[in-house]
């Protein structure tokens, strides 16, 4: 479905949903460290969200088996949490989470490095991808084209020498986890669907140190960089306003 202009009541509910999501991700940050399994992170996310009164939006979505996506290094997105998958120092860890509160859904992701970074390029990748998300959000206003958002993201990443993943994109969100239109992380100003004040979308740049080409693992979910280089992923759900954007998934 095409993402709709939300009612005042729906917006209030999405704000609450987004605050729950941001709170859960914040509680996970100190646990991204050596020896912690990706499944332990998912289980903690489930416990924290239950306390807050929300429901996990990812669990069971098209068959996804858990509440949280945890993707490490060359895993771009959709990593399935596992007890045997342990984090080690220097890993780039992406946490992607969705919350359903009273039928309104928000979606957000962060990437962080466990312990001390192995190299400066990993630090630069994470910092630049976060800055690309901020640039995409800064491009938003009533009447924005999705191409305006994509170009803003693409410029930041490519000027830093990083690959821009093309097979995965941002999207409308709210009544469903994934709504139209797609919001690519590349494009040209003035092209693509036009977005209106009151709509809600998820902007989510995904970048790589090397090639932007990706493939899906045999588990049917985990998306990896084809050349094995490291990746990073950031995402916010935002409300389009007459003059800009309100970030719904930030504390």
Protein backbone atom coordinates (compact mmCIF):
# COMPACT_ATOMS: atom_id res chain seq x y z
CA UNK A 1 0.00 0.00 0.00
CA UNK A 2 1.03 3.60 -0.56
CA UNK A 3 2.01 5.30 2.68
CA UNK A 4 -0.84 7.58 3.75
CA UNK A 5 -0.98 11.00 5.33
CA UNK A 6 -1.41 10.08 8.99
CA UNK A 7 -4.10 11.47 11.27
CA UNK A 8 -3.15 13.40 14.40
CA UNK A 9 -4.05 10.34 16.49
CA UNK A 10 -1.92 8.03 14.34
CA UNK A 11 1.02 10.43 14.58
CA UNK A 12 0.77 10.51 18.36
CA UNK A 13 0.78 6.71 18.43
CA UNK A 14 3.77 6.54 16.08
CA UNK A 15 5.64 8.94 18.36
CA UNK A 16 5.04 6.55 21.26
CA UNK A 17 6.05 3.57 19.12
CA UNK A 18 9.23 5.39 18.04
CA UNK A 19 10.17 6.26 21.60
CA UNK A 20 9.82 2.63 22.63
CA UNK A 21 12.04 1.60 19.73
CA UNK A 22 14.72 4.20 20.50
CA UNK A 23 14.70 3.18 24.16
CA UNK A 24 15.24 -0.48 23.32
CA UNK A 25 18.16 0.26 20.98
CA UNK A 26 19.72 2.49 23.62
CA UNK A 27 19.55 -0.31 26.20
CA UNK A 28 21.29 -2.69 23.79
CA UNK A 29 24.30 -0.48 23.08
CA UNK A 30 26.40 -1.35 26.16
CA UNK A 31 25.85 -5.07 25.52
CA UNK A 32 27.45 -5.00 22.07
CA UNK A 33 30.78 -6.41 23.23
CA UNK A 34 33.04 -9.42 22.99
CA UNK A 35 31.45 -12.73 23.94
CA UNK A 36 27.83 -11.61 23.69
CA UNK A 37 25.78 -13.61 21.19
CA UNK A 38 23.46 -12.02 18.68
CA UNK A 39 20.63 -14.11 20.13
CA UNK A 40 21.24 -12.66 23.60
CA UNK A 41 20.79 -9.18 22.11
CA UNK A 42 17.51 -10.22 20.49
CA UNK A 43 16.20 -11.75 23.70
CA UNK A 44 17.05 -8.60 25.63
CA UNK A 45 15.27 -6.48 23.02
CA UNK A 46 12.17 -8.65 23.40
CA UNK A 47 12.19 -8.29 27.19
CA UNK A 48 12.67 -4.53 27.10
CA UNK A 49 9.91 -4.00 24.55
CA UNK A 50 7.48 -6.14 26.53
CA UNK A 51 8.10 -3.93 29.58
CA UNK A 52 7.35 -0.84 27.51
CA UNK A 53 4.09 -2.26 26.17
CA UNK A 54 4.91 -2.63 22.49
CA UNK A 55 4.96 -5.59 20.12
CA UNK A 56 7.88 -6.64 17.88
CA UNK A 57 7.15 -5.75 14.27
CA UNK A 58 9.73 -8.12 12.76
CA UNK A 59 8.81 -11.37 14.51
CA UNK A 60 6.97 -13.54 11.99
CA UNK A 61 7.08 -10.87 9.26
CA UNK A 62 7.21 -12.91 6.04
CA UNK A 63 8.53 -15.70 8.26
CA UNK A 64 11.38 -13.85 9.99
CA UNK A 65 12.15 -15.91 13.12
CA UNK A 66 13.06 -13.26 15.71
CA UNK A 67 12.39 -9.75 17.00
CA UNK A 68 15.70 -8.15 16.02
CA UNK A 69 18.00 -8.24 13.01
CA UNK A 70 21.67 -8.37 14.02
CA UNK A 71 24.13 -8.09 11.14
CA UNK A 72 27.92 -8.17 11.57
CA UNK A 73 30.66 -6.82 9.30
CA UNK A 74 29.96 -8.06 5.74
CA UNK A 75 26.35 -8.83 6.69
CA UNK A 76 24.43 -5.77 5.52
CA UNK A 77 20.95 -6.46 6.91
CA UNK A 78 18.50 -9.16 8.09
CA UNK A 79 20.99 -11.18 10.11
CA UNK A 80 19.16 -13.88 12.11
CA UNK A 81 20.14 -13.89 15.81
CA UNK A 82 21.95 -17.06 16.95
CA UNK A 83 23.45 -18.18 20.25
CA UNK A 84 26.53 -19.48 18.45
CA UNK A 85 27.18 -16.15 16.70
CA UNK A 86 29.40 -14.30 19.18
CA UNK A 87 30.57 -10.70 18.86
CA UNK A 88 34.29 -9.93 19.01
CA UNK A 89 36.16 -6.65 19.44
CA UNK A 90 36.31 -4.62 16.27
CA UNK A 91 33.11 -6.02 14.76
CA UNK A 92 30.72 -3.59 13.10
CA UNK A 93 27.35 -4.60 14.53
CA UNK A 94 24.08 -3.42 12.99
CA UNK A 95 20.93 -3.60 15.11
CA UNK A 96 17.66 -3.24 13.17
CA UNK A 97 14.41 -3.18 15.15
CA UNK A 98 10.73 -2.56 14.54
CA UNK A 99 7.92 -1.76 16.97
CA UNK A 100 4.17 -2.16 16.58
CA UNK A 101 2.20 -0.11 19.09
CA UNK A 102 -1.58 -0.04 18.77
CA UNK A 103 -1.28 -0.92 15.11
CA UNK A 104 1.23 1.79 14.16
CA UNK A 105 4.74 0.67 13.20
CA UNK A 106 8.15 2.33 13.41
CA UNK A 107 11.49 1.02 12.12
CA UNK A 108 15.06 2.04 13.03
CA UNK A 109 18.63 0.79 12.89
CA UNK A 110 22.04 1.68 14.28
CA UNK A 111 25.55 0.44 13.61
CA UNK A 112 28.30 0.48 16.21
CA UNK A 113 31.74 -0.98 16.69
CA UNK A 114 32.27 -3.48 19.48
CA UNK A 115 35.13 -2.38 21.72
CA UNK A 116 38.09 -0.67 20.05
CA UNK A 117 37.92 -0.41 16.27
CA UNK A 118 40.25 -2.66 14.31
CA UNK A 119 40.98 0.09 11.82
CA UNK A 120 40.21 3.71 11.01
CA UNK A 121 38.29 2.77 7.86
CA UNK A 122 35.63 0.96 9.92
CA UNK A 123 35.24 4.03 12.14
CA UNK A 124 34.96 6.23 9.06
CA UNK A 125 32.39 3.93 7.46
CA UNK A 126 30.12 3.98 10.51
CA UNK A 127 30.45 7.75 11.03
CA UNK A 128 29.89 8.53 7.35
CA UNK A 129 26.83 6.30 7.06
CA UNK A 130 25.28 8.04 10.06
CA UNK A 131 26.07 11.39 8.44
CA UNK A 132 24.45 10.18 5.20
CA UNK A 133 21.26 9.40 7.12
CA UNK A 134 21.32 12.90 8.57
CA UNK A 135 21.80 14.36 5.07
CA UNK A 136 18.82 12.38 3.78
CA UNK A 137 16.65 13.62 6.63
CA UNK A 138 17.82 17.21 6.04
CA UNK A 139 16.56 16.94 2.45
CA UNK A 140 13.00 16.17 3.58
CA UNK A 141 10.15 18.67 3.37
CA UNK A 142 6.60 18.80 2.06
CA UNK A 143 6.73 18.06 -1.69
CA UNK A 144 10.13 16.36 -1.60
CA UNK A 145 10.92 13.79 -4.30
CA UNK A 146 12.43 10.49 -3.20
CA UNK A 147 15.25 11.29 -5.62
CA UNK A 148 16.12 14.37 -3.55
CA UNK A 149 16.61 12.15 -0.49
CA UNK A 150 18.56 9.54 -2.43
CA UNK A 151 20.92 12.06 -3.98
CA UNK A 152 21.67 13.65 -0.60
CA UNK A 153 22.63 10.24 0.81
CA UNK A 154 24.59 9.15 -2.25
CA UNK A 155 26.72 12.28 -2.34
CA UNK A 156 27.87 11.85 1.27
CA UNK A 157 28.78 8.18 0.85
CA UNK A 158 30.42 8.36 -2.55
CA UNK A 159 32.45 11.47 -1.71
CA UNK A 160 33.92 9.43 1.17
CA UNK A 161 34.71 6.58 -1.21
CA UNK A 162 32.11 4.11 0.02
CA UNK A 163 29.72 1.87 -1.91
CA UNK A 164 25.99 2.64 -1.85
CA UNK A 165 23.90 -0.54 -1.67
CA UNK A 166 21.28 -0.40 -4.43
CA UNK A 167 19.34 -3.64 -3.98
CA UNK A 168 17.94 -2.54 -0.61
CA UNK A 169 16.08 0.71 0.01
CA UNK A 170 14.13 2.78 2.49
CA UNK A 171 10.35 2.72 2.40
CA UNK A 172 7.05 4.06 3.61
CA UNK A 173 6.06 2.83 7.06
CA UNK A 174 3.21 3.23 9.53
CA UNK A 175 0.20 1.02 8.98
CA UNK A 176 2.50 -1.68 7.64
CA UNK A 177 6.21 -2.34 8.08
CA UNK A 178 6.91 -1.82 4.39
CA UNK A 179 4.74 0.54 2.38
CA UNK A 180 5.21 2.27 -0.95
CA UNK A 181 7.06 4.22 -2.13
CA UNK A 182 10.58 2.84 -2.06
CA UNK A 183 13.14 5.41 -0.93
CA UNK A 184 16.47 4.49 -2.59
CA UNK A 185 19.80 5.67 -1.20
CA UNK A 186 20.82 7.03 -4.59
CA UNK A 187 19.07 9.15 -7.19
CA UNK A 188 18.65 12.57 -8.74
CA UNK A 189 16.93 15.68 -7.48
CA UNK A 190 13.42 16.18 -8.80
CA UNK A 191 12.91 12.52 -9.72
CA UNK A 192 10.74 9.82 -8.20
CA UNK A 193 7.59 9.85 -6.07
CA UNK A 194 6.53 13.06 -4.36
CA UNK A 195 5.98 12.91 -0.60
CA UNK A 196 3.56 15.07 1.36
CA UNK A 197 3.44 16.53 4.84
CA UNK A 198 1.93 13.99 7.24
CA UNK A 199 3.42 10.94 5.52
CA UNK A 200 5.88 8.72 7.39
CA UNK A 201 8.88 7.01 5.82
CA UNK A 202 11.94 5.04 6.90
CA UNK A 203 15.19 6.40 5.52
CA UNK A 204 18.01 3.84 5.76
CA UNK A 205 21.39 4.21 4.06
CA UNK A 206 23.40 1.01 3.71
CA UNK A 207 27.04 1.34 2.73
CA UNK A 208 30.11 -0.78 2.10
CA UNK A 209 33.86 -0.32 2.14
CA UNK A 210 34.08 -2.08 -1.22
CA UNK A 211 31.56 -3.14 -3.86
CA UNK A 212 27.88 -2.24 -3.46
CA UNK A 213 26.86 -5.64 -4.86
CA UNK A 214 25.10 -7.94 -2.39
CA UNK A 215 23.62 -11.43 -2.23
CA UNK A 216 21.30 -13.38 0.08
CA UNK A 217 22.68 -16.23 2.18
CA UNK A 218 21.30 -19.77 2.16
CA UNK A 219 19.19 -18.94 5.24
CA UNK A 220 16.99 -16.87 2.92
CA UNK A 221 17.39 -13.72 5.00
CA UNK A 222 20.91 -12.50 5.66
CA UNK A 223 22.12 -10.09 2.96
CA UNK A 224 25.91 -9.95 2.54
CA UNK A 225 28.39 -7.84 0.58
CA UNK A 226 29.50 -9.88 -2.41
CA UNK A 227 33.19 -8.99 -2.11
CA UNK A 228 33.22 -9.64 1.66
CA UNK A 229 33.96 -6.05 2.63
CA UNK A 230 32.47 -4.47 5.73
CA UNK A 231 29.16 -2.62 5.78
CA UNK A 232 27.15 -0.23 7.94
CA UNK A 233 23.44 0.60 8.24
CA UNK A 234 21.51 3.41 9.91
CA UNK A 235 17.78 4.08 9.83
CA UNK A 236 15.16 6.42 11.28
CA UNK A 237 11.42 6.61 10.85
CA UNK A 238 10.52 10.22 10.13
CA UNK A 239 7.35 12.27 9.82
CA UNK A 240 7.34 14.69 6.90
CA UNK A 241 6.37 18.19 8.05
CA UNK A 242 5.59 21.33 6.02
CA UNK A 243 9.16 22.60 6.44
CA UNK A 244 11.24 19.51 7.20
CA UNK A 245 11.12 16.28 9.17
CA UNK A 246 10.43 15.08 12.67
CA UNK A 247 12.50 12.05 13.69
CA UNK A 248 10.13 9.64 15.43
CA UNK A 249 12.75 7.07 16.45
CA UNK A 250 15.18 9.31 18.36
CA UNK A 251 15.21 9.93 22.12
